[in-house]
Amino acid sequence: MASEIIADKRRAGRNRTLALLPGDAALYGSRLRRLHGPASLSDVENATINQDLFDVLDLLPSACVDLLFIDPPYNLTRRYNSGQFTRLPPEEYVVWMDSWLSRLVRTLKPTGSAYICADWGSSSAVSTVAARYLTIRNRITWEREKGRGAKANWKNCSEDIWYCTRSDSFTFNLDAVKVKRRVIAPYKDANGRPKDWLEDEEGCWRTTHPSNLWTDITVPFWSMPENTEHPTQKPEKLLAKVLLASSNPGDLVLDPFVGSGTTSVVAKKLGRRYVGVESDVEYCLMTEKRLAIADQDKSIQGYDAGTFWDRNSGPAARAQRSARQQAQLFEEDPDG
């Protein structure tokens, strides 16, 4: 168990970043699991496994996973709390990826799907290795608007997700991932009726088919309750798109680099079973803390009542804007 847990930090009033507090290790530590031999499905489902992936690869049960979501360390030198990944020559990064993906695919059912994350520098390695064991269906590019600009290069503000399947028989729930987008230039038919769009108090909207270019994702930041101190945390909305498209309620989702637990948390919120593997104990504790919170709060920012909304729109965003406006009015005239 970690010798120290992140204590209360002095933060701005609206900073909602979730942190581990004194007592969390005792509260959530007993929920973590370790594998000491070949595991059955009941040994791993709805569990956070606190071990190095290479120690459990050959212990996980075979052909039980409906969906793999894989967010490996990109080929960058970066510290992850108690661990660090050091940048490798490109050909060595391919070897490293193959060393675990070749052994991980056996956990997938014949009808299973896999989504593998990458940045521009590791994307070619991911596609090379994935093609050896899976059928690549598409490459999703999502806008990662958070980050600093570069002085002598284009700002890096996108990442890739390689969508793969184990066979030609797989799950894809199109209607579950349609996107509600604002109509900039609404047009009407000959009878003056809206054509393929609806209007409400917020404006004109159209529900459209999802594409492989995602521009509606907000990277977690300090004012969002899902935010943690993990340096490469994926947004819950991104995981919701993947899970709703490529799994069904009750299916099993495995994340072998689960980090602070976003995949497991979203799986729980959407009625899926989950397995998360993570070597860092503090990230595992954070995963379990977020899973406990998900028992009471199943909301996903940017996803509401079966609809994915454009970034900074939708019911939750409107409510937040209204609350900010009311607070501003109170500050200007507290006696109202």
Protein backbone atom coordinates (compact mmCIF):
# COMPACT_ATOMS: atom_id res chain seq x y z
CA MET A 1 0.00 0.00 0.00
CA ALA A 2 1.21 3.50 -0.72
CA SER A 3 3.00 5.10 2.22
CA GLU A 4 1.46 8.49 1.55
CA ILE A 5 -1.86 9.51 0.06
CA ILE A 6 -2.55 12.86 -1.54
CA ALA A 7 -3.96 15.07 1.20
CA ASP A 8 -6.33 18.01 0.99
CA LYS A 9 -4.77 20.66 -1.22
CA ARG A 10 -5.51 24.34 -1.04
CA ARG A 11 -7.41 24.91 -4.27
CA ALA A 12 -9.57 27.59 -5.76
CA GLY A 13 -13.20 27.34 -4.75
CA ARG A 14 -14.40 26.01 -8.11
CA ASN A 15 -11.58 23.48 -8.48
CA ARG A 16 -13.37 20.12 -8.39
CA THR A 17 -10.36 17.88 -9.13
CA LEU A 18 -10.81 14.61 -7.29
CA ALA A 19 -7.93 13.70 -5.00
CA LEU A 20 -7.13 10.88 -2.60
CA LEU A 21 -7.54 11.88 1.02
CA PRO A 22 -6.18 10.45 4.27
CA GLY A 23 -8.23 7.37 4.99
CA ASP A 24 -8.91 6.49 1.35
CA ALA A 25 -6.19 3.83 1.34
CA ALA A 26 -7.92 2.00 4.18
CA LEU A 27 -11.35 2.57 2.66
CA TYR A 28 -10.62 1.43 -0.89
CA GLY A 29 -7.45 -0.65 -0.59
CA SER A 30 -9.27 -3.84 0.37
CA ARG A 31 -11.17 -3.71 -2.93
CA LEU A 32 -8.03 -4.08 -5.04
CA ARG A 33 -7.22 -7.53 -6.38
CA ARG A 34 -4.07 -9.42 -7.26
CA LEU A 35 -3.78 -12.56 -9.36
CA HIS A 36 -1.51 -15.37 -8.20
CA GLY A 37 -2.52 -18.00 -10.72
CA PRO A 38 -4.83 -18.56 -13.70
CA ALA A 39 -8.00 -16.58 -13.02
CA SER A 40 -11.63 -17.39 -13.66
CA LEU A 41 -14.11 -14.82 -14.90
CA SER A 42 -15.50 -14.39 -11.39
CA ASP A 43 -11.98 -13.58 -10.16
CA VAL A 44 -11.63 -10.55 -12.41
CA GLU A 45 -15.03 -9.09 -13.35
CA ASN A 46 -15.87 -5.72 -11.80
CA ALA A 47 -12.36 -5.61 -10.35
CA THR A 48 -9.34 -3.32 -10.31
CA ILE A 49 -6.23 -5.48 -10.55
CA ASN A 50 -3.22 -3.77 -8.97
CA GLN A 51 -0.37 -5.47 -10.82
CA ASP A 52 1.90 -4.90 -13.76
CA LEU A 53 0.23 -5.97 -17.00
CA PHE A 54 3.08 -8.35 -17.88
CA ASP A 55 2.55 -10.19 -14.58
CA VAL A 56 -1.12 -10.93 -15.33
CA LEU A 57 -1.23 -11.28 -19.14
CA ASP A 58 -1.10 -15.07 -19.04
CA LEU A 59 -3.39 -15.32 -16.00
CA LEU A 60 -6.45 -13.57 -17.43
CA PRO A 61 -9.26 -15.86 -18.68
CA SER A 62 -9.53 -16.41 -22.44
CA ALA A 63 -12.34 -15.42 -24.82
CA CYS A 64 -14.39 -13.58 -22.18
CA VAL A 65 -13.99 -9.91 -23.14
CA ASP A 66 -16.46 -8.15 -25.41
CA LEU A 67 -14.52 -4.89 -25.69
CA LEU A 68 -10.89 -3.94 -25.17
CA PHE A 69 -10.12 -0.28 -24.59
CA ILE A 70 -6.35 0.20 -24.64
CA ASP A 71 -4.64 3.48 -23.78
CA PRO A 72 -0.96 2.49 -23.59
CA PRO A 73 1.88 4.88 -22.81
CA TYR A 74 2.62 6.81 -25.97
CA ASN A 75 6.21 6.77 -27.18
CA LEU A 76 7.17 9.73 -25.02
CA THR A 77 9.25 10.08 -21.89
CA ARG A 78 6.65 10.73 -19.21
CA ARG A 79 6.28 10.07 -15.50
CA TYR A 80 3.13 8.39 -14.23
CA ASN A 81 3.20 8.92 -10.47
CA SER A 82 5.38 6.01 -9.24
CA GLY A 83 6.42 4.87 -12.72
CA GLN A 84 7.90 6.26 -15.91
CA PHE A 85 7.85 5.36 -19.59
CA THR A 86 11.01 6.28 -21.50
CA ARG A 87 10.88 7.10 -25.19
CA LEU A 88 12.11 4.25 -27.41
CA PRO A 89 13.43 4.15 -30.98
CA PRO A 90 10.36 3.61 -33.20
CA GLU A 91 11.26 0.03 -34.06
CA GLU A 92 11.67 -0.83 -30.35
CA TYR A 93 8.30 0.72 -29.54
CA VAL A 94 6.74 -1.66 -32.10
CA VAL A 95 8.45 -4.61 -30.36
CA TRP A 96 7.21 -3.39 -26.96
CA MET A 97 3.64 -3.10 -28.22
CA ASP A 98 3.75 -6.54 -29.80
CA SER A 99 5.06 -8.06 -26.57
CA TRP A 100 1.75 -7.45 -24.79
CA LEU A 101 -0.88 -7.10 -27.55
CA SER A 102 0.04 -10.51 -29.01
CA ARG A 103 -0.81 -12.08 -25.63
CA LEU A 104 -3.78 -9.85 -24.82
CA VAL A 105 -5.95 -10.57 -27.87
CA ARG A 106 -6.74 -14.08 -26.62
CA THR A 107 -8.96 -12.49 -23.95
CA LEU A 108 -11.30 -11.19 -26.67
CA LYS A 109 -14.35 -13.14 -27.73
CA PRO A 110 -14.53 -13.95 -31.48
CA THR A 111 -17.15 -11.18 -31.70
CA GLY A 112 -15.09 -8.71 -29.66
CA SER A 113 -13.79 -5.27 -30.59
CA ALA A 114 -10.69 -3.30 -29.59
CA TYR A 115 -9.96 0.41 -29.52
CA ILE A 116 -6.29 1.39 -29.22
CA CYS A 117 -5.23 4.98 -28.48
CA ALA A 118 -2.22 6.75 -29.98
CA ASP A 119 -0.73 10.16 -30.62
CA TRP A 120 0.75 11.14 -33.99
CA GLY A 121 4.17 9.74 -33.06
CA SER A 122 2.94 6.30 -32.00
CA SER A 123 0.00 5.90 -34.37
CA SER A 124 1.92 4.08 -37.11
CA ALA A 125 3.30 1.59 -34.57
CA VAL A 126 -0.19 0.93 -33.22
CA SER A 127 -1.61 0.27 -36.69
CA THR A 128 1.34 -1.97 -37.60
CA VAL A 129 0.97 -4.19 -34.54
CA ALA A 130 -2.84 -4.16 -34.46
CA ALA A 131 -2.98 -5.37 -38.07
CA ARG A 132 -1.03 -8.50 -37.10
CA TYR A 133 -3.76 -9.76 -34.78
CA LEU A 134 -6.96 -7.84 -35.54
CA THR A 135 -8.97 -6.43 -38.42
CA ILE A 136 -8.63 -2.65 -38.50
CA ARG A 137 -12.01 -1.03 -39.25
CA ASN A 138 -11.23 2.65 -38.91
CA ARG A 139 -9.03 5.33 -37.40
CA ILE A 140 -10.84 7.84 -35.21
CA THR A 141 -9.21 11.23 -34.73
CA TRP A 142 -10.41 13.32 -31.82
CA GLU A 143 -9.65 16.95 -31.07
CA ARG A 144 -7.67 17.33 -27.89
CA GLU A 145 -7.96 21.07 -27.46
CA LYS A 146 -6.06 21.22 -24.17
CA GLY A 147 -2.32 21.93 -24.20
CA ARG A 148 0.36 24.49 -24.87
CA GLY A 149 1.36 25.80 -28.27
CA ALA A 150 4.66 24.96 -29.92
CA LYS A 151 7.23 27.60 -30.90
CA ALA A 152 8.70 25.82 -33.91
CA ASN A 153 5.98 23.34 -34.84
CA TRP A 154 2.23 22.97 -35.23
CA LYS A 155 0.43 22.66 -31.92
CA ASN A 156 -0.41 19.03 -31.19
CA CYS A 157 -4.18 19.04 -30.56
CA SER A 158 -5.40 15.67 -31.86
CA GLU A 159 -5.07 12.00 -31.00
CA ASP A 160 -5.99 8.78 -32.80
CA ILE A 161 -7.97 5.74 -31.75
CA TRP A 162 -7.64 2.64 -33.93
CA TYR A 163 -10.93 0.75 -34.09
CA CYS A 164 -10.42 -2.99 -34.63
CA THR A 165 -12.40 -6.23 -34.42
CA ARG A 166 -11.48 -9.84 -33.85
CA SER A 167 -13.61 -11.07 -36.77
CA ASP A 168 -16.26 -9.95 -39.25
CA SER A 169 -18.97 -10.57 -36.66
CA PHE A 170 -19.05 -7.73 -34.14
CA THR A 171 -21.25 -5.23 -32.30
CA PHE A 172 -21.82 -1.70 -33.58
CA ASN A 173 -24.82 0.18 -32.19
CA LEU A 174 -25.22 3.10 -34.59
CA ASP A 175 -28.32 4.62 -33.02
CA ALA A 176 -26.66 4.74 -29.59
CA VAL A 177 -23.94 7.14 -30.71
CA LYS A 178 -25.67 9.64 -32.95
CA VAL A 179 -24.65 13.23 -32.25
CA LYS A 180 -26.86 16.27 -31.67
CA ARG A 181 -25.30 19.21 -33.53
CA ARG A 182 -26.27 22.84 -33.80
CA VAL A 183 -27.59 23.83 -37.24
CA ILE A 184 -25.80 26.99 -38.38
CA ALA A 185 -27.93 27.65 -41.48
CA PRO A 186 -31.33 25.97 -40.94
CA TYR A 187 -33.43 25.52 -44.05
CA LYS A 188 -37.09 24.59 -44.60
CA ASP A 189 -39.02 22.61 -47.18
CA ALA A 190 -41.55 24.05 -49.64
CA ASN A 191 -44.23 24.09 -46.92
CA GLY A 192 -42.08 26.12 -44.54
CA ARG A 193 -41.34 23.19 -42.21
CA PRO A 194 -37.87 22.46 -40.79
CA LYS A 195 -36.01 19.93 -42.94
CA ASP A 196 -34.14 17.39 -40.81
CA TRP A 197 -33.79 19.69 -37.80
CA LEU A 198 -35.63 20.74 -34.65
CA GLU A 199 -35.83 24.03 -32.80
CA ASP A 200 -35.98 24.74 -29.08
CA GLU A 201 -35.27 27.70 -26.79
CA GLU A 202 -31.53 27.24 -27.37
CA GLY A 203 -31.65 27.25 -31.17
CA CYS A 204 -31.75 24.77 -34.07
CA TRP A 205 -30.43 21.21 -33.79
CA ARG A 206 -29.94 18.16 -35.97
CA THR A 207 -29.19 14.57 -34.95
CA THR A 208 -26.52 13.14 -37.27
CA HIS A 209 -24.57 9.94 -37.82
CA PRO A 210 -21.24 9.81 -35.99
CA SER A 211 -18.06 10.16 -38.03
CA ASN A 212 -14.45 9.23 -37.34
CA LEU A 213 -13.65 12.89 -36.57
CA TRP A 214 -14.66 13.79 -33.01
CA THR A 215 -14.64 17.52 -32.26
CA ASP A 216 -17.12 17.44 -29.38
CA ILE A 217 -14.80 16.09 -26.66
CA THR A 218 -13.68 18.17 -23.68
CA VAL A 219 -10.47 17.03 -21.99
CA PRO A 220 -11.00 16.89 -18.20
CA PHE A 221 -9.83 20.02 -16.42
CA TRP A 222 -9.93 21.49 -12.91
CA SER A 223 -13.61 22.55 -12.80
CA MET A 224 -14.96 19.16 -13.94
CA PRO A 225 -15.86 16.62 -11.22
CA GLU A 226 -14.41 13.76 -13.29
CA ASN A 227 -10.96 15.38 -13.32
CA THR A 228 -8.09 13.66 -11.49
CA GLU A 229 -4.36 14.31 -11.33
CA HIS A 230 -3.55 11.53 -13.81
CA PRO A 231 -1.48 13.21 -16.58
CA THR A 232 -3.18 11.48 -19.54
CA GLN A 233 -6.74 10.94 -18.31
CA LYS A 234 -9.28 10.25 -21.05
CA PRO A 235 -12.69 11.99 -20.92
CA GLU A 236 -15.72 10.02 -19.77
CA LYS A 237 -17.63 11.22 -22.85
CA LEU A 238 -15.02 9.66 -25.14
CA LEU A 239 -15.36 6.31 -23.36
CA ALA A 240 -19.14 6.56 -23.48
CA LYS A 241 -19.03 6.79 -27.28
CA VAL A 242 -16.80 3.72 -27.52
CA LEU A 243 -18.74 1.61 -25.01
CA LEU A 244 -22.18 2.44 -26.37
CA ALA A 245 -21.10 1.75 -29.95
CA SER A 246 -19.21 -1.50 -29.43
CA SER A 247 -20.75 -3.20 -26.40
CA ASN A 248 -24.16 -4.03 -24.97
CA PRO A 249 -25.49 -3.86 -21.40
CA GLY A 250 -23.92 -6.64 -19.35
CA ASP A 251 -20.91 -7.02 -21.67
CA LEU A 252 -17.39 -7.21 -20.25
CA VAL A 253 -14.94 -4.35 -20.93
CA LEU A 254 -11.20 -4.72 -20.24
CA ASP A 255 -8.73 -1.84 -19.93
CA PRO A 256 -5.17 -3.13 -19.41
CA PHE A 257 -3.77 0.38 -18.67
CA VAL A 258 -6.72 1.69 -16.69
CA GLY A 259 -4.91 4.59 -14.99
CA SER A 260 -7.31 6.53 -12.78
CA GLY A 261 -10.23 4.39 -13.90
CA THR A 262 -12.24 6.22 -16.55
CA THR A 263 -13.02 3.05 -18.55
CA SER A 264 -14.24 1.14 -15.48
CA VAL A 265 -16.27 4.12 -14.24
CA VAL A 266 -18.05 4.66 -17.56
CA ALA A 267 -18.66 0.92 -17.91
CA LYS A 268 -20.35 0.92 -14.52
CA LYS A 269 -22.43 3.99 -15.34
CA LEU A 270 -23.62 2.38 -18.58
CA GLY A 271 -24.43 -1.03 -17.13
CA ARG A 272 -21.40 -2.94 -18.40
CA ARG A 273 -19.06 -5.18 -16.43
CA TYR A 274 -15.40 -4.14 -16.27
CA VAL A 275 -11.84 -5.22 -15.57
CA GLY A 276 -9.06 -2.69 -15.04
CA VAL A 277 -5.35 -3.47 -14.73
CA GLU A 278 -3.00 -0.84 -13.29
CA SER A 279 0.42 -1.09 -11.63
CA ASP A 280 0.29 2.16 -9.61
CA VAL A 281 -1.54 1.71 -6.31
CA GLU A 282 -2.65 5.34 -5.99
CA TYR A 283 -4.27 5.27 -9.43
CA CYS A 284 -6.01 2.03 -8.42
CA LEU A 285 -7.32 3.67 -5.26
CA MET A 286 -8.56 6.60 -7.33
CA THR A 287 -10.33 4.15 -9.65
CA GLU A 288 -12.13 2.58 -6.70
CA LYS A 289 -13.04 5.98 -5.27
CA ARG A 290 -14.54 7.04 -8.60
CA LEU A 291 -16.41 3.72 -8.86
CA ALA A 292 -17.92 4.35 -5.42
CA ILE A 293 -19.03 7.83 -6.50
CA ALA A 294 -20.57 6.30 -9.65
CA ASP A 295 -22.95 4.34 -7.41
CA GLN A 296 -24.67 7.65 -6.67
CA ASP A 297 -23.88 9.76 -9.75
CA LYS A 298 -24.18 8.18 -13.18
CA SER A 299 -24.01 11.44 -15.15
CA ILE A 300 -21.54 11.84 -18.02
CA GLN A 301 -20.70 15.38 -19.07
CA GLY A 302 -21.76 15.98 -22.68
CA TYR A 303 -24.07 12.95 -22.78
CA ASP A 304 -27.65 13.28 -21.61
CA ALA A 305 -30.80 11.20 -22.08
CA GLY A 306 -29.27 9.11 -24.85
CA THR A 307 -27.86 12.09 -26.76
CA PHE A 308 -24.28 13.24 -27.36
CA TRP A 309 -24.17 17.03 -27.52
CA ASP A 310 -21.71 19.41 -29.13
CA ARG A 311 -18.99 20.61 -26.79
CA ASN A 312 -20.25 23.17 -24.24
CA SER A 313 -23.90 22.62 -25.15
CA GLY A 314 -26.75 20.44 -23.95
CA PRO A 315 -28.81 20.50 -20.74
CA ALA A 316 -25.87 20.26 -18.32
CA ALA A 317 -23.96 23.06 -20.04
CA ARG A 318 -27.06 25.26 -20.11
CA ALA A 319 -27.60 24.67 -16.40
CA GLN A 320 -23.99 25.55 -15.66
CA ARG A 321 -24.23 28.74 -17.71
CA SER A 322 -27.44 29.68 -15.91
CA ALA A 323 -25.82 29.07 -12.51
CA ARG A 324 -22.82 31.21 -13.47
CA GLN A 325 -25.12 33.99 -14.67
CA GLN A 326 -27.14 33.88 -11.44
CA ALA A 327 -23.94 33.98 -9.39
CA GLN A 328 -22.70 36.96 -11.38
CA LEU A 329 -25.99 38.80 -10.87
CA PHE A 330 -25.82 38.10 -7.13
CA GLU A 331 -22.27 39.45 -6.96
CA GLU A 332 -23.34 42.61 -8.78
CA ASP A 333 -26.50 43.11 -6.66
CA PRO A 334 -26.61 40.81 -3.61
CA ASP A 335 -29.83 42.43 -2.37
CA GLY A 336 -31.48 41.60 -5.72
